Amino acid sequence: MPAEWSAIGAGLFCPVAVSPAPDRVVLLARTAAGELVRRERSPDGGWGNARLLGVPTARSAGGGMDVPVDWQLAACGGGSGGSGAESIEVVARSPDGDLLHMRQLGGGRPRFECLGAPAAVSGGRAIPVGIASPPAVCRGGGGRLDIFAVGQSGELLHAVRSGGEWAPFDALGAPDGASPLEAVAACGCGPSSIAVFRRGSAGDLLLKWWDGAAWSRYASLGSPQVPDPSYPAVLAPAPLTGPPAACSWGPARLDVFARGSFGDLVHACWDGADWSSFESLGLPVSAGQAVPLSGYVSACSAGEGVCDVLAGAVDGRLYHAVWSRDA
């Protein structure tokens, strides 16, 4: 069933949707000048005023200078910031491939800390090689924070913060032919499981699963099926045209969204036992015309049975849709 889209702003790029608490959705996005913007959706569905937070920066690993922050960010709800204030855990990449992290409380100046970069050992020395893609972040079991990014050779890299301490990166392997530059999506599911999604070389959706004890191999969940142009009675695969976004509204539920081959939003879900086939949720409509999506798709869930999706479109506007299991 097509989603109902609404335009919530123009000139905003690289949207990030995050739910820091039930029934609350926060949008983080960038302006054309690179400034970080924060908007919040109220429980009645309306969006509050945009708050300009400034251009994000990070202190370099050596502490001597500020470094810029790549445009695409990722975020997850961080619970209480220690003083009762709700916080959001935000991660990013520096132009040199360092992993950056920030805990945002309410809406202060966006200042990241530099966590360094994964390294390769050569001649007994650790040589930083950096991450190649924007990172993804999610909450794992026991309150830990799990961060994922793609390394220079296409392998999936994973770092964990538990008890306030960051563990070294570990490598989780690479599927054949996947792009090392494209972002992955990560989502916690239940008390101890994590799903990591990325786009495969054929435009299919790939899944890697943590069951609380071990990581699975990559598995392909396929791609949307559309009538073959030369023989409409036969369905043919239609590759995804952008990286996936994922969220979970229950301990046995995963929802994945991505941009389809027609610029539409496509969706697949896991109900705790099986994966659904892909469905198209349609395109935004402006002045009576369908507007294809462009750039990143972002999704979060602020309550059971509901997912909020944000995506930019070719008309330069940012659009919001609510997917509901009852729709």
Protein backbone atom coordinates (compact mmCIF):
# COMPACT_ATOMS: atom_id res chain seq x y z
CA MET A 1 0.00 0.00 0.00
CA PRO A 2 1.49 3.42 -0.94
CA ALA A 3 2.80 5.53 1.91
CA GLU A 4 1.41 9.00 2.61
CA TRP A 5 4.25 11.47 2.18
CA SER A 6 4.49 15.04 3.44
CA ALA A 7 7.20 17.61 2.62
CA ILE A 8 8.85 18.90 5.80
CA GLY A 9 11.50 21.21 4.39
CA ALA A 10 13.67 22.25 1.47
CA GLY A 11 17.44 22.56 1.29
CA LEU A 12 18.01 19.78 3.85
CA PHE A 13 20.28 16.87 3.02
CA CYS A 14 21.52 13.57 4.48
CA PRO A 15 18.55 13.00 6.82
CA VAL A 16 18.88 10.92 9.98
CA ALA A 17 15.74 9.77 11.81
CA VAL A 18 16.16 8.69 15.44
CA SER A 19 13.79 8.01 18.32
CA PRO A 20 15.34 8.94 21.70
CA ALA A 21 12.16 7.97 23.59
CA PRO A 22 8.73 6.42 22.90
CA ASP A 23 6.51 8.60 20.70
CA ARG A 24 9.39 10.97 19.90
CA VAL A 25 11.19 11.31 16.59
CA VAL A 26 14.17 13.60 16.00
CA LEU A 27 15.44 14.61 12.57
CA LEU A 28 19.10 15.49 12.10
CA ALA A 29 20.03 16.86 8.67
CA ARG A 30 22.55 19.11 6.97
CA THR A 31 22.03 22.41 5.18
CA ALA A 32 23.76 23.35 1.93
CA ALA A 33 26.39 25.12 4.06
CA GLY A 34 27.01 21.92 6.06
CA GLU A 35 25.32 23.10 9.25
CA LEU A 36 23.55 20.52 11.39
CA VAL A 37 19.79 21.03 11.78
CA ARG A 38 17.60 19.42 14.43
CA ARG A 39 13.80 19.14 14.28
CA GLU A 40 11.45 17.13 16.48
CA ARG A 41 8.12 15.55 15.64
CA SER A 42 5.43 15.94 18.26
CA PRO A 43 3.12 13.05 19.22
CA ASP A 44 0.34 14.63 17.14
CA GLY A 45 2.51 14.31 14.01
CA GLY A 46 3.52 17.94 13.56
CA TRP A 47 7.14 19.03 13.20
CA GLY A 48 8.63 21.73 15.39
CA ASN A 49 10.84 24.58 14.23
CA ALA A 50 14.29 23.79 12.85
CA ARG A 51 17.21 24.56 15.15
CA LEU A 52 20.56 25.39 13.57
CA LEU A 53 23.37 23.83 15.61
CA GLY A 54 26.36 24.92 13.56
CA VAL A 55 28.87 23.05 11.40
CA PRO A 56 29.99 19.79 13.08
CA THR A 57 33.67 19.50 13.88
CA ALA A 58 35.88 16.98 15.67
CA ARG A 59 39.10 17.30 17.60
CA SER A 60 41.84 15.42 15.77
CA ALA A 61 43.27 12.26 17.32
CA GLY A 62 46.39 14.19 18.33
CA GLY A 63 44.27 16.93 19.87
CA GLY A 64 45.99 19.73 17.99
CA MET A 65 43.30 20.91 15.60
CA ASP A 66 39.68 20.64 14.58
CA VAL A 67 38.85 18.45 11.60
CA PRO A 68 35.72 18.49 9.41
CA VAL A 69 33.00 15.85 9.56
CA ASP A 70 31.71 14.00 6.50
CA TRP A 71 28.16 14.87 5.50
CA GLN A 72 26.34 11.63 6.24
CA LEU A 73 25.76 10.87 9.94
CA ALA A 74 24.11 7.97 11.74
CA ALA A 75 22.39 7.94 15.12
CA CYS A 76 20.50 5.85 17.65
CA GLY A 77 18.68 6.63 20.88
CA GLY A 78 21.07 6.87 23.80
CA GLY A 79 18.72 6.77 26.79
CA SER A 80 19.47 9.15 29.65
CA GLY A 81 22.51 11.38 29.42
CA GLY A 82 23.21 11.05 33.15
CA SER A 83 21.30 14.15 34.27
CA GLY A 84 17.90 12.87 33.22
CA ALA A 85 18.20 14.46 29.77
CA GLU A 86 17.54 12.21 26.81
CA SER A 87 20.51 11.80 24.54
CA ILE A 88 21.27 10.64 21.03
CA GLU A 89 24.41 8.73 20.07
CA VAL A 90 25.74 10.11 16.76
CA VAL A 91 28.59 8.70 14.68
CA ALA A 92 30.33 9.98 11.58
CA ARG A 93 33.47 9.67 9.50
CA SER A 94 36.28 12.18 9.07
CA PRO A 95 37.67 12.86 5.59
CA ASP A 96 40.76 10.83 6.58
CA GLY A 97 38.69 7.80 7.57
CA ASP A 98 38.67 8.24 11.35
CA LEU A 99 35.58 7.16 13.27
CA LEU A 100 33.88 10.04 15.08
CA HIS A 101 31.39 9.90 17.95
CA MET A 102 29.21 12.46 19.72
CA ARG A 103 26.56 12.26 22.40
CA GLN A 104 24.03 15.00 21.76
CA LEU A 105 21.97 16.24 24.69
CA GLY A 106 18.98 18.29 23.61
CA GLY A 107 20.68 20.33 20.90
CA GLY A 108 24.06 21.77 21.84
CA ARG A 109 26.96 22.51 19.53
CA PRO A 110 27.83 19.43 17.43
CA ARG A 111 31.35 18.54 18.61
CA PHE A 112 32.61 15.02 17.95
CA GLU A 113 35.43 13.06 19.54
CA CYS A 114 37.84 11.17 17.31
CA LEU A 115 38.04 7.44 18.05
CA GLY A 116 40.82 6.79 15.55
CA ALA A 117 40.82 4.37 12.65
CA PRO A 118 41.14 0.63 12.14
CA ALA A 119 44.71 -0.39 11.38
CA ALA A 120 46.56 -3.01 9.36
CA VAL A 121 49.71 -4.57 10.81
CA SER A 122 52.77 -4.39 8.56
CA GLY A 123 56.31 -5.10 9.68
CA GLY A 124 55.18 -5.29 13.26
CA ARG A 125 53.61 -1.83 13.10
CA ALA A 126 49.95 -0.86 13.18
CA ILE A 127 49.23 1.38 10.20
CA PRO A 128 45.85 3.20 10.25
CA VAL A 129 43.87 2.51 7.07
CA GLY A 130 40.59 4.17 7.98
CA ILE A 131 36.97 3.42 7.23
CA ALA A 132 35.69 3.87 3.68
CA SER A 133 31.95 4.28 4.29
CA PRO A 134 29.77 6.34 6.60
CA PRO A 135 29.31 4.34 9.83
CA ALA A 136 26.12 2.84 11.25
CA VAL A 137 25.25 2.59 14.94
CA CYS A 138 22.75 0.68 17.07
CA ARG A 139 22.13 -0.43 20.62
CA GLY A 140 23.22 -3.99 21.37
CA GLY A 141 22.45 -6.12 24.39
CA GLY A 142 23.32 -4.96 27.90
CA GLY A 143 23.31 -1.27 26.96
CA ARG A 144 26.36 -1.54 24.73
CA LEU A 145 26.83 0.56 21.61
CA ASP A 146 27.70 -1.22 18.35
CA ILE A 147 29.24 0.66 15.41
CA PHE A 148 29.72 -0.73 11.91
CA ALA A 149 31.49 0.61 8.83
CA VAL A 150 33.03 -0.73 5.65
CA GLY A 151 36.82 -0.87 5.43
CA GLN A 152 39.00 0.02 2.48
CA SER A 153 38.93 -3.53 1.09
CA GLY A 154 35.15 -3.93 1.50
CA GLU A 155 35.16 -5.89 4.77
CA LEU A 156 32.63 -5.06 7.47
CA LEU A 157 34.31 -3.52 10.53
CA HIS A 158 32.77 -3.57 14.00
CA ALA A 159 33.56 -1.67 17.19
CA VAL A 160 31.79 -1.90 20.55
CA ARG A 161 31.51 0.45 23.52
CA SER A 162 30.62 -1.28 26.77
CA GLY A 163 30.96 0.16 30.25
CA GLY A 164 32.30 3.40 28.79
CA GLU A 165 35.25 1.70 27.08
CA TRP A 166 35.77 1.23 23.34
CA ALA A 167 37.06 -2.13 22.14
CA PRO A 168 39.34 -2.39 19.06
CA PHE A 169 37.80 -2.89 15.64
CA ASP A 170 37.21 -6.43 14.47
CA ALA A 171 36.66 -7.52 10.85
CA LEU A 172 33.50 -9.46 9.95
CA GLY A 173 34.28 -10.27 6.33
CA ALA A 174 33.03 -8.99 2.99
CA PRO A 175 30.48 -10.28 0.50
CA ASP A 176 31.62 -10.64 -3.09
CA GLY A 177 31.40 -7.44 -5.10
CA ALA A 178 29.78 -5.16 -2.52
CA SER A 179 30.77 -1.49 -2.69
CA PRO A 180 33.33 -0.46 -0.03
CA LEU A 181 32.11 3.15 -0.16
CA GLU A 182 28.43 2.64 0.58
CA ALA A 183 26.90 2.90 4.02
CA VAL A 184 25.49 -0.12 5.82
CA ALA A 185 22.49 -0.17 8.15
CA ALA A 186 22.46 -1.73 11.61
CA CYS A 187 19.53 -2.47 13.90
CA GLY A 188 19.21 -4.15 17.27
CA CYS A 189 16.41 -6.71 17.54
CA GLY A 190 15.38 -8.13 20.88
CA PRO A 191 17.67 -8.29 23.91
CA SER A 192 20.82 -9.54 22.16
CA SER A 193 20.41 -9.80 18.37
CA ILE A 194 21.71 -7.39 15.74
CA ALA A 195 21.03 -7.24 12.02
CA VAL A 196 23.41 -5.53 9.60
CA PHE A 197 22.22 -4.79 6.06
CA ARG A 198 24.10 -3.72 2.95
CA ARG A 199 23.48 -3.63 -0.77
CA GLY A 200 24.99 -6.46 -2.81
CA SER A 201 26.69 -6.27 -6.20
CA ALA A 202 23.44 -7.25 -7.97
CA GLY A 203 21.43 -4.59 -6.13
CA ASP A 204 20.03 -7.18 -3.75
CA LEU A 205 19.69 -6.81 0.01
CA LEU A 206 22.32 -8.62 2.09
CA LEU A 207 21.91 -9.53 5.77
CA LYS A 208 24.48 -10.44 8.40
CA TRP A 209 23.01 -11.54 11.75
CA TRP A 210 24.33 -11.62 15.33
CA ASP A 211 22.36 -14.07 17.48
CA GLY A 212 23.99 -13.13 20.77
CA ALA A 213 26.81 -15.64 20.39
CA ALA A 214 28.08 -15.66 16.78
CA TRP A 215 27.82 -13.89 13.44
CA SER A 216 26.13 -15.54 10.49
CA ARG A 217 27.42 -15.57 6.94
CA TYR A 218 26.03 -13.00 4.54
CA ALA A 219 22.64 -14.04 3.18
CA SER A 220 20.83 -12.45 0.26
CA LEU A 221 17.22 -11.44 0.84
CA GLY A 222 16.78 -10.78 -2.87
CA SER A 223 15.46 -7.62 -4.49
CA PRO A 224 12.07 -6.24 -5.51
CA GLN A 225 10.33 -8.01 -8.40
CA VAL A 226 8.63 -6.08 -11.21
CA PRO A 227 7.03 -7.17 -14.51
CA ASP A 228 9.63 -7.74 -17.22
CA PRO A 229 9.30 -4.93 -19.83
CA SER A 230 9.53 -7.40 -22.71
CA TYR A 231 7.23 -10.02 -21.17
CA PRO A 232 5.05 -8.57 -18.38
CA ALA A 233 3.73 -11.99 -17.37
CA VAL A 234 7.18 -12.74 -15.93
CA LEU A 235 8.62 -10.96 -12.91
CA ALA A 236 12.21 -9.74 -13.07
CA PRO A 237 14.48 -8.46 -10.27
CA ALA A 238 14.65 -4.67 -9.91
CA PRO A 239 17.89 -3.69 -8.13
CA LEU A 240 17.89 -1.41 -5.13
CA THR A 241 19.35 1.97 -6.06
CA GLY A 242 20.46 3.16 -2.64
CA PRO A 243 21.72 1.86 0.70
CA PRO A 244 19.15 0.38 3.10
CA ALA A 245 17.71 1.79 6.32
CA ALA A 246 16.42 -0.45 9.11
CA CYS A 247 14.47 -0.18 12.34
CA SER A 248 12.72 -2.47 14.81
CA TRP A 249 9.49 -1.91 16.75
CA GLY A 250 9.48 -5.20 18.65
CA PRO A 251 11.73 -8.04 19.87
CA ALA A 252 10.87 -10.19 16.83
CA ARG A 253 10.42 -7.55 14.17
CA LEU A 254 12.67 -5.88 11.58
CA ASP A 255 11.65 -3.40 8.90
CA VAL A 256 14.00 -2.49 6.05
CA PHE A 257 13.51 0.38 3.59
CA ALA A 258 15.48 1.43 0.52
CA ARG A 259 15.17 3.36 -2.71
CA GLY A 260 13.84 1.20 -5.53
CA SER A 261 14.71 1.21 -9.21
CA PHE A 262 11.94 3.72 -10.02
CA GLY A 263 12.90 6.15 -7.26
CA ASP A 264 10.15 4.71 -5.07
CA LEU A 265 10.42 3.54 -1.48
CA VAL A 266 10.52 -0.25 -1.13
CA HIS A 267 9.99 -2.21 2.08
CA ALA A 268 10.55 -5.71 3.41
CA CYS A 269 10.07 -7.04 6.95
CA TRP A 270 10.88 -9.97 9.22
CA ASP A 271 8.16 -11.16 11.61
CA GLY A 272 10.34 -13.35 13.81
CA ALA A 273 10.02 -16.39 11.55
CA ASP A 274 10.03 -15.34 7.88
CA TRP A 275 11.00 -12.49 5.58
CA SER A 276 8.29 -10.89 3.49
CA SER A 277 8.70 -10.14 -0.18
CA PHE A 278 9.46 -6.54 -1.14
CA GLU A 279 6.59 -4.11 -1.59
CA SER A 280 6.64 -0.65 -3.12
CA LEU A 281 5.38 2.15 -0.88
CA GLY A 282 5.28 4.58 -3.78
CA LEU A 283 6.70 8.05 -4.33
CA PRO A 284 6.01 11.48 -2.88
CA VAL A 285 3.62 13.66 -4.87
CA SER A 286 4.11 17.40 -5.34
CA ALA A 287 1.75 19.60 -7.40
CA GLY A 288 0.09 16.47 -8.70
CA GLN A 289 3.34 14.95 -9.96
CA ALA A 290 5.21 11.96 -8.56
CA VAL A 291 8.69 12.94 -7.34
CA PRO A 292 11.43 10.25 -7.31
CA LEU A 293 13.49 9.86 -4.18
CA SER A 294 17.20 10.61 -4.20
CA GLY A 295 20.04 10.21 -1.74
CA TYR A 296 19.80 8.40 1.58
CA VAL A 297 16.72 6.92 3.23
CA SER A 298 16.55 6.91 7.03
CA ALA A 299 14.09 5.13 9.33
CA CYS A 300 13.30 4.75 13.01
CA SER A 301 10.47 3.44 15.17
CA ALA A 302 8.99 5.43 18.04
CA GLY A 303 6.33 2.88 18.96
CA GLU A 304 4.98 -0.57 18.31
CA GLY A 305 3.75 -1.11 14.77
CA VAL A 306 4.96 2.23 13.42
CA CYS A 307 8.03 3.34 11.44
CA ASP A 308 8.96 6.89 10.48
CA VAL A 309 10.85 7.23 7.18
CA LEU A 310 12.70 10.29 5.89
CA ALA A 311 14.16 10.75 2.41
CA GLY A 312 15.16 13.52 0.04
CA ALA A 313 13.70 13.79 -3.45
CA VAL A 314 14.80 15.22 -6.77
CA ASP A 315 12.81 18.44 -6.20
CA GLY A 316 15.20 19.36 -3.36
CA ARG A 317 12.65 18.76 -0.62
CA LEU A 318 12.86 16.42 2.35
CA TYR A 319 9.85 14.12 2.71
CA HIS A 320 8.44 12.22 5.68
CA ALA A 321 6.23 9.14 5.65
CA VAL A 322 4.77 6.99 8.42
CA TRP A 323 4.54 3.27 7.72
CA SER A 324 2.05 1.43 9.93
CA ARG A 325 1.24 -2.27 10.15
CA ASP A 326 -2.43 -1.25 10.34
CA ALA A 327 -2.34 0.74 7.09
